[in-house]
Amino acid sequence: MENTHTINVAKEFSKYPGGRYLADGDCSGERFRNEFLVPALRAHPSVRVNLDGTLGYGSSFLEEAFGGLVREAGFMSKDLDRSLILETNNETLGYTIRRYIAEAKAGKATHR
């Protein structure tokens, strides 16, 4: 897609993403959301997030980063369905992120 901005988590953020909040460290989901996802989604019609190359993701990181787009940053889940492209070799990871976005929309997000 033209005008698609790409974020490579492992190369641009961390190979060791983890934690929910800024207080949990420099590689937290809150920091990734606030410093990478939100600015990119506001500046570009679509954002591709390459999730491969890290040593894994904790549920708290994923829920805060992606579910937080709806809950904290005010994005609509239907808009994220169109503008957020998840690129990963792990099918379950993409499904999990979409579930966190849907749960945040429904107000069911939990802080793990």
N, C-alpha and C. Protein backbone atom coordinates (compact mmCIF):
# COMPACT_ATOMS: atom_id res chain seq x y z
N MET A 1 0.84 -1.18 0.00
CA MET A 1 0.00 0.00 0.00
C MET A 1 0.89 1.25 0.00
N GLU A 2 0.57 2.17 -0.85
CA GLU A 2 1.31 3.42 -0.94
C GLU A 2 1.12 4.22 0.34
N ASN A 3 2.14 4.97 0.72
CA ASN A 3 2.11 5.78 1.93
C ASN A 3 2.02 4.96 3.21
N THR A 4 2.46 3.72 3.14
CA THR A 4 2.48 2.88 4.34
C THR A 4 3.80 3.08 5.06
N HIS A 5 3.71 3.40 6.32
CA HIS A 5 4.89 3.56 7.17
C HIS A 5 5.16 2.21 7.84
N THR A 6 6.42 1.81 7.90
CA THR A 6 6.77 0.53 8.52
C THR A 6 7.55 0.76 9.80
N ILE A 7 7.17 0.02 10.83
CA ILE A 7 7.89 -0.01 12.10
C ILE A 7 8.39 -1.44 12.28
N ASN A 8 9.69 -1.60 12.38
CA ASN A 8 10.28 -2.90 12.66
C ASN A 8 10.63 -2.91 14.15
N VAL A 9 9.86 -3.64 14.93
CA VAL A 9 10.01 -3.62 16.38
C VAL A 9 11.43 -3.99 16.80
N ALA A 10 11.96 -5.08 16.28
CA ALA A 10 13.29 -5.55 16.70
C ALA A 10 14.39 -4.57 16.33
N LYS A 11 14.30 -3.95 15.18
CA LYS A 11 15.36 -3.04 14.73
C LYS A 11 15.21 -1.62 15.27
N GLU A 12 13.98 -1.15 15.41
CA GLU A 12 13.76 0.25 15.79
C GLU A 12 13.42 0.46 17.26
N PHE A 13 12.94 -0.59 17.91
CA PHE A 13 12.52 -0.43 19.30
C PHE A 13 13.36 -1.30 20.23
N SER A 14 13.18 -2.61 20.17
CA SER A 14 13.94 -3.50 21.03
C SER A 14 13.76 -4.96 20.59
N LYS A 15 14.82 -5.74 20.76
CA LYS A 15 14.70 -7.18 20.55
C LYS A 15 14.10 -7.85 21.79
N TYR A 16 13.96 -7.07 22.87
CA TYR A 16 13.47 -7.59 24.15
C TYR A 16 12.30 -6.75 24.66
N PRO A 17 11.23 -6.61 23.91
CA PRO A 17 10.11 -5.81 24.39
C PRO A 17 9.45 -6.48 25.59
N GLY A 18 9.10 -5.68 26.58
CA GLY A 18 8.47 -6.27 27.75
C GLY A 18 8.01 -5.23 28.74
N GLY A 19 7.08 -5.63 29.53
CA GLY A 19 6.50 -4.75 30.53
C GLY A 19 5.34 -3.96 29.96
N ARG A 20 4.49 -3.51 30.84
CA ARG A 20 3.30 -2.76 30.44
C ARG A 20 3.56 -1.26 30.45
N TYR A 21 4.04 -0.75 31.58
CA TYR A 21 4.13 0.70 31.80
C TYR A 21 5.55 1.22 31.68
N LEU A 22 5.65 2.53 31.53
CA LEU A 22 6.96 3.19 31.48
C LEU A 22 7.79 2.83 32.71
N ALA A 23 7.16 2.70 33.85
CA ALA A 23 7.86 2.34 35.09
C ALA A 23 8.47 0.94 35.02
N ASP A 24 8.00 0.12 34.08
CA ASP A 24 8.51 -1.24 33.92
C ASP A 24 9.80 -1.29 33.10
N GLY A 25 10.18 -0.17 32.50
CA GLY A 25 11.43 -0.12 31.75
C GLY A 25 11.29 0.53 30.38
N ASP A 26 12.43 0.70 29.75
CA ASP A 26 12.49 1.39 28.45
C ASP A 26 11.85 0.62 27.31
N CYS A 27 11.55 -0.63 27.49
CA CYS A 27 11.01 -1.46 26.41
C CYS A 27 9.54 -1.81 26.64
N SER A 28 8.83 -0.94 27.35
CA SER A 28 7.45 -1.22 27.73
C SER A 28 6.46 -0.99 26.58
N GLY A 29 5.31 -1.61 26.72
CA GLY A 29 4.24 -1.43 25.76
C GLY A 29 3.74 0.00 25.72
N GLU A 30 3.70 0.65 26.88
CA GLU A 30 3.26 2.05 26.93
C GLU A 30 4.20 2.94 26.12
N ARG A 31 5.49 2.74 26.26
CA ARG A 31 6.47 3.54 25.50
C ARG A 31 6.35 3.26 24.00
N PHE A 32 6.22 1.99 23.63
CA PHE A 32 6.10 1.64 22.22
C PHE A 32 4.86 2.29 21.62
N ARG A 33 3.76 2.22 22.34
CA ARG A 33 2.53 2.85 21.86
C ARG A 33 2.70 4.35 21.70
N ASN A 34 3.17 5.01 22.75
CA ASN A 34 3.24 6.47 22.75
C ASN A 34 4.29 7.04 21.81
N GLU A 35 5.42 6.38 21.68
CA GLU A 35 6.52 6.93 20.89
C GLU A 35 6.61 6.40 19.47
N PHE A 36 5.98 5.26 19.21
CA PHE A 36 6.07 4.67 17.87
C PHE A 36 4.71 4.55 17.19
N LEU A 37 3.78 3.83 17.82
CA LEU A 37 2.50 3.56 17.17
C LEU A 37 1.64 4.80 16.98
N VAL A 38 1.40 5.55 18.04
CA VAL A 38 0.51 6.71 17.95
C VAL A 38 1.01 7.74 16.94
N PRO A 39 2.28 8.17 17.01
CA PRO A 39 2.73 9.15 16.03
C PRO A 39 2.64 8.64 14.58
N ALA A 40 2.98 7.38 14.38
CA ALA A 40 2.92 6.82 13.03
C ALA A 40 1.48 6.74 12.52
N LEU A 41 0.56 6.30 13.36
CA LEU A 41 -0.84 6.18 12.95
C LEU A 41 -1.48 7.55 12.70
N ARG A 42 -1.02 8.56 13.40
CA ARG A 42 -1.56 9.91 13.17
C ARG A 42 -0.97 10.56 11.92
N ALA A 43 0.22 10.15 11.53
CA ALA A 43 0.91 10.78 10.40
C ALA A 43 0.73 10.06 9.07
N HIS A 44 0.32 8.79 9.10
CA HIS A 44 0.27 7.98 7.88
C HIS A 44 -1.08 7.28 7.76
N PRO A 45 -1.54 7.08 6.52
CA PRO A 45 -2.82 6.39 6.32
C PRO A 45 -2.78 4.93 6.74
N SER A 46 -1.60 4.32 6.67
CA SER A 46 -1.48 2.95 7.14
C SER A 46 -0.09 2.73 7.73
N VAL A 47 -0.04 1.83 8.70
CA VAL A 47 1.20 1.53 9.40
C VAL A 47 1.36 0.02 9.44
N ARG A 48 2.50 -0.43 8.95
CA ARG A 48 2.85 -1.86 9.00
C ARG A 48 3.80 -2.05 10.18
N VAL A 49 3.45 -2.97 11.06
CA VAL A 49 4.31 -3.28 12.20
C VAL A 49 4.88 -4.67 11.99
N ASN A 50 6.20 -4.72 11.78
CA ASN A 50 6.88 -5.99 11.65
C ASN A 50 7.25 -6.46 13.04
N LEU A 51 6.66 -7.58 13.46
CA LEU A 51 6.81 -8.08 14.82
C LEU A 51 7.88 -9.17 14.95
N ASP A 52 8.47 -9.59 13.85
CA ASP A 52 9.45 -10.67 13.88
C ASP A 52 10.82 -10.17 14.34
N GLY A 53 11.64 -11.07 14.84
CA GLY A 53 13.00 -10.75 15.21
C GLY A 53 13.23 -10.44 16.68
N THR A 54 12.16 -10.42 17.47
CA THR A 54 12.33 -10.22 18.92
C THR A 54 12.43 -11.58 19.60
N LEU A 55 12.73 -11.56 20.88
CA LEU A 55 12.77 -12.81 21.63
C LEU A 55 11.43 -13.15 22.26
N GLY A 56 10.37 -12.56 21.73
CA GLY A 56 9.02 -12.85 22.20
C GLY A 56 8.34 -11.62 22.75
N TYR A 57 7.06 -11.79 23.07
CA TYR A 57 6.24 -10.70 23.59
C TYR A 57 5.42 -11.20 24.77
N GLY A 58 5.40 -10.41 25.81
CA GLY A 58 4.53 -10.71 26.94
C GLY A 58 3.15 -10.15 26.67
N SER A 59 2.16 -10.75 27.28
CA SER A 59 0.79 -10.29 27.08
C SER A 59 0.60 -8.86 27.57
N SER A 60 1.28 -8.47 28.64
CA SER A 60 1.12 -7.11 29.15
C SER A 60 1.66 -6.09 28.17
N PHE A 61 2.77 -6.39 27.52
CA PHE A 61 3.32 -5.49 26.49
C PHE A 61 2.32 -5.32 25.35
N LEU A 62 1.84 -6.44 24.83
CA LEU A 62 0.93 -6.40 23.67
C LEU A 62 -0.38 -5.72 23.99
N GLU A 63 -0.94 -6.02 25.14
CA GLU A 63 -2.22 -5.42 25.48
C GLU A 63 -2.09 -3.91 25.67
N GLU A 64 -1.03 -3.48 26.33
CA GLU A 64 -0.84 -2.05 26.56
C GLU A 64 -0.53 -1.32 25.26
N ALA A 65 0.33 -1.89 24.44
CA ALA A 65 0.71 -1.24 23.18
C ALA A 65 -0.46 -1.16 22.22
N PHE A 66 -1.15 -2.26 22.00
CA PHE A 66 -2.17 -2.32 20.96
C PHE A 66 -3.59 -2.08 21.49
N GLY A 67 -3.94 -2.73 22.59
CA GLY A 67 -5.24 -2.44 23.20
C GLY A 67 -5.30 -1.00 23.68
N GLY A 68 -4.15 -0.49 24.12
CA GLY A 68 -4.06 0.89 24.58
C GLY A 68 -4.30 1.91 23.49
N LEU A 69 -4.15 1.51 22.23
CA LEU A 69 -4.47 2.43 21.13
C LEU A 69 -5.93 2.85 21.19
N VAL A 70 -6.78 1.92 21.58
CA VAL A 70 -8.22 2.20 21.71
C VAL A 70 -8.50 2.82 23.07
N ARG A 71 -8.04 2.17 24.11
CA ARG A 71 -8.37 2.55 25.49
C ARG A 71 -7.73 3.88 25.91
N GLU A 72 -6.48 4.10 25.54
CA GLU A 72 -5.74 5.28 26.02
C GLU A 72 -5.58 6.37 24.97
N ALA A 73 -5.40 5.98 23.71
CA ALA A 73 -5.09 6.97 22.67
C ALA A 73 -6.32 7.38 21.85
N GLY A 74 -7.46 6.72 22.07
CA GLY A 74 -8.70 7.14 21.43
C GLY A 74 -8.92 6.69 20.00
N PHE A 75 -8.14 5.74 19.53
CA PHE A 75 -8.36 5.22 18.18
C PHE A 75 -9.59 4.32 18.17
N MET A 76 -10.28 4.27 17.06
CA MET A 76 -11.42 3.39 16.88
C MET A 76 -10.92 2.05 16.35
N SER A 77 -11.43 0.96 16.90
CA SER A 77 -10.97 -0.36 16.46
C SER A 77 -11.24 -0.59 14.98
N LYS A 78 -12.35 -0.09 14.46
CA LYS A 78 -12.66 -0.27 13.04
C LYS A 78 -11.64 0.46 12.16
N ASP A 79 -11.14 1.61 12.62
CA ASP A 79 -10.10 2.32 11.87
C ASP A 79 -8.78 1.56 11.92
N LEU A 80 -8.47 0.97 13.07
CA LEU A 80 -7.24 0.18 13.19
C LEU A 80 -7.30 -1.06 12.31
N ASP A 81 -8.49 -1.63 12.13
CA ASP A 81 -8.62 -2.79 11.24
C ASP A 81 -8.14 -2.45 9.83
N ARG A 82 -8.37 -1.21 9.43
CA ARG A 82 -7.97 -0.77 8.09
C ARG A 82 -6.54 -0.26 8.04
N SER A 83 -6.11 0.46 9.06
CA SER A 83 -4.84 1.17 8.97
C SER A 83 -3.65 0.45 9.59
N LEU A 84 -3.88 -0.53 10.44
CA LEU A 84 -2.80 -1.23 11.13
C LEU A 84 -2.57 -2.59 10.48
N ILE A 85 -1.39 -2.76 9.91
CA ILE A 85 -1.02 -4.01 9.25
C ILE A 85 -0.01 -4.72 10.13
N LEU A 86 -0.34 -5.92 10.56
CA LEU A 86 0.55 -6.69 11.42
C LEU A 86 1.30 -7.70 10.57
N GLU A 87 2.61 -7.61 10.59
CA GLU A 87 3.45 -8.49 9.77
C GLU A 87 4.24 -9.40 10.70
N THR A 88 3.94 -10.69 10.62
CA THR A 88 4.62 -11.65 11.49
C THR A 88 4.49 -13.05 10.91
N ASN A 89 5.48 -13.86 11.20
CA ASN A 89 5.42 -15.28 10.82
C ASN A 89 4.64 -16.08 11.85
N ASN A 90 4.26 -15.45 12.94
CA ASN A 90 3.53 -16.11 14.02
C ASN A 90 2.05 -15.72 13.92
N GLU A 91 1.26 -16.57 13.33
CA GLU A 91 -0.17 -16.29 13.13
C GLU A 91 -0.90 -16.00 14.44
N THR A 92 -0.53 -16.70 15.49
CA THR A 92 -1.17 -16.52 16.79
C THR A 92 -0.92 -15.12 17.34
N LEU A 93 0.25 -14.58 17.09
CA LEU A 93 0.59 -13.24 17.57
C LEU A 93 -0.34 -12.19 16.97
N GLY A 94 -0.55 -12.26 15.67
CA GLY A 94 -1.47 -11.32 15.02
C GLY A 94 -2.89 -11.45 15.55
N TYR A 95 -3.34 -12.67 15.74
CA TYR A 95 -4.68 -12.92 16.29
C TYR A 95 -4.80 -12.34 17.70
N THR A 96 -3.77 -12.56 18.52
CA THR A 96 -3.78 -12.06 19.89
C THR A 96 -3.87 -10.54 19.93
N ILE A 97 -3.10 -9.87 19.10
CA ILE A 97 -3.14 -8.40 19.06
C ILE A 97 -4.51 -7.91 18.63
N ARG A 98 -5.09 -8.52 17.62
CA ARG A 98 -6.44 -8.11 17.18
C ARG A 98 -7.47 -8.34 18.28
N ARG A 99 -7.29 -9.41 19.06
CA ARG A 99 -8.19 -9.69 20.18
C ARG A 99 -8.06 -8.61 21.25
N TYR A 100 -6.84 -8.18 21.55
CA TYR A 100 -6.65 -7.11 22.54
C TYR A 100 -7.31 -5.82 22.08
N ILE A 101 -7.22 -5.52 20.80
CA ILE A 101 -7.86 -4.31 20.27
C ILE A 101 -9.38 -4.44 20.41
N ALA A 102 -9.92 -5.59 20.06
CA ALA A 102 -11.37 -5.81 20.17
C ALA A 102 -11.83 -5.76 21.63
N GLU A 103 -11.06 -6.33 22.54
CA GLU A 103 -11.42 -6.31 23.95
C GLU A 103 -11.38 -4.90 24.51
N ALA A 104 -10.42 -4.11 24.07
CA ALA A 104 -10.34 -2.72 24.53
C ALA A 104 -11.56 -1.94 24.05
N LYS A 105 -12.01 -2.23 22.84
CA LYS A 105 -13.22 -1.59 22.29
C LYS A 105 -14.42 -1.94 23.16
N ALA A 106 -14.48 -3.19 23.57
CA ALA A 106 -15.63 -3.66 24.35
C ALA A 106 -15.49 -3.33 25.84
N GLY A 107 -14.37 -2.72 26.22
CA GLY A 107 -14.15 -2.37 27.62
C GLY A 107 -13.81 -3.56 28.48
N LYS A 108 -13.32 -4.65 27.84
CA LYS A 108 -13.02 -5.86 28.58
C LYS A 108 -11.52 -6.03 28.87
N ALA A 109 -10.73 -5.06 28.44
CA ALA A 109 -9.29 -5.20 28.61
C ALA A 109 -8.93 -5.35 30.09
N THR A 110 -8.03 -6.24 30.34
CA THR A 110 -7.57 -6.46 31.71
C THR A 110 -6.10 -6.12 31.81
N HIS A 111 -5.68 -5.72 32.94
CA HIS A 111 -4.26 -5.43 33.17
C HIS A 111 -3.66 -6.66 33.81
N ARG A 112 -2.88 -7.34 33.05
CA ARG A 112 -2.28 -8.60 33.52
C ARG A 112 -0.95 -8.34 34.17
